[in-house]
């Protein structure tokens, strides 16, 4: 009885997550994160200060 009691919240969360993913339009988190990182990289490159000739930056 101990293992069922200790894992109940994990099992219930998994079952609820599967139900929600199958029945609702849930966005793909990995795709959203990749798009956000791409946008942030573009903004950084656009507003970055120009490098000085003496800088040994990588």
Protein backbone atom coordinates (compact mmCIF):
# COMPACT_ATOMS: atom_id res chain seq x y z
CA UNK A 1 0.00 0.00 0.00
CA UNK A 2 2.95 2.31 0.58
CA UNK A 3 4.13 2.53 -3.02
CA UNK A 4 0.63 3.32 -4.31
CA UNK A 5 0.15 6.00 -1.69
CA UNK A 6 3.52 7.63 -2.38
CA UNK A 7 3.13 7.57 -6.18
CA UNK A 8 -0.54 8.60 -6.31
CA UNK A 9 0.11 12.27 -7.18
CA UNK A 10 2.59 11.30 -9.93
CA UNK A 11 0.18 8.77 -11.47
CA UNK A 12 -2.78 11.15 -11.22
CA UNK A 13 -0.76 13.96 -12.82
CA UNK A 14 0.36 11.70 -15.66
CA UNK A 15 -3.19 10.55 -16.36
CA UNK A 16 -4.51 14.13 -16.30
CA UNK A 17 -1.65 15.29 -18.55
CA UNK A 18 -2.35 12.58 -21.11
CA UNK A 19 -6.07 13.41 -21.10
CA UNK A 20 -5.45 17.14 -21.58
CA UNK A 21 -2.86 16.57 -24.34
CA UNK A 22 -5.24 14.33 -26.28
CA UNK A 23 -8.39 16.42 -25.93
CA UNK A 24 -7.19 20.03 -26.02
CA UNK A 25 -4.98 22.10 -28.32
CA UNK A 26 -1.84 22.29 -26.19
CA UNK A 27 1.14 24.14 -27.78
CA UNK A 28 4.43 22.35 -28.33
CA UNK A 29 6.66 23.82 -25.61
CA UNK A 30 9.90 22.87 -27.36
CA UNK A 31 8.85 24.71 -30.53
CA UNK A 32 7.78 27.81 -28.58
CA UNK A 33 11.08 27.87 -26.66
CA UNK A 34 13.13 27.51 -29.86
CA UNK A 35 11.21 30.39 -31.50
CA UNK A 36 11.78 32.59 -28.44
CA UNK A 37 15.53 31.85 -28.42
CA UNK A 38 15.74 32.57 -32.15
CA UNK A 39 13.96 35.91 -31.69
CA UNK A 40 16.21 36.83 -28.76
CA UNK A 41 19.31 36.00 -30.81
CA UNK A 42 18.09 38.23 -33.65
CA UNK A 43 17.45 41.14 -31.27
CA UNK A 44 20.87 40.69 -29.68
CA UNK A 45 22.64 40.70 -33.05
CA UNK A 46 20.68 43.76 -34.18
CA UNK A 47 21.49 45.88 -31.11
CA UNK A 48 25.00 44.60 -30.32
CA UNK A 49 27.75 47.19 -30.09
CA UNK A 50 30.26 47.03 -32.93
CA UNK A 51 33.56 45.34 -32.09
CA UNK A 52 36.70 47.41 -31.71
CA UNK A 53 39.68 46.53 -33.92
CA UNK A 54 41.87 45.68 -30.88
CA UNK A 55 39.38 43.30 -29.22
CA UNK A 56 40.31 39.61 -29.08
CA UNK A 57 36.78 38.39 -28.53
CA UNK A 58 35.74 34.87 -29.42
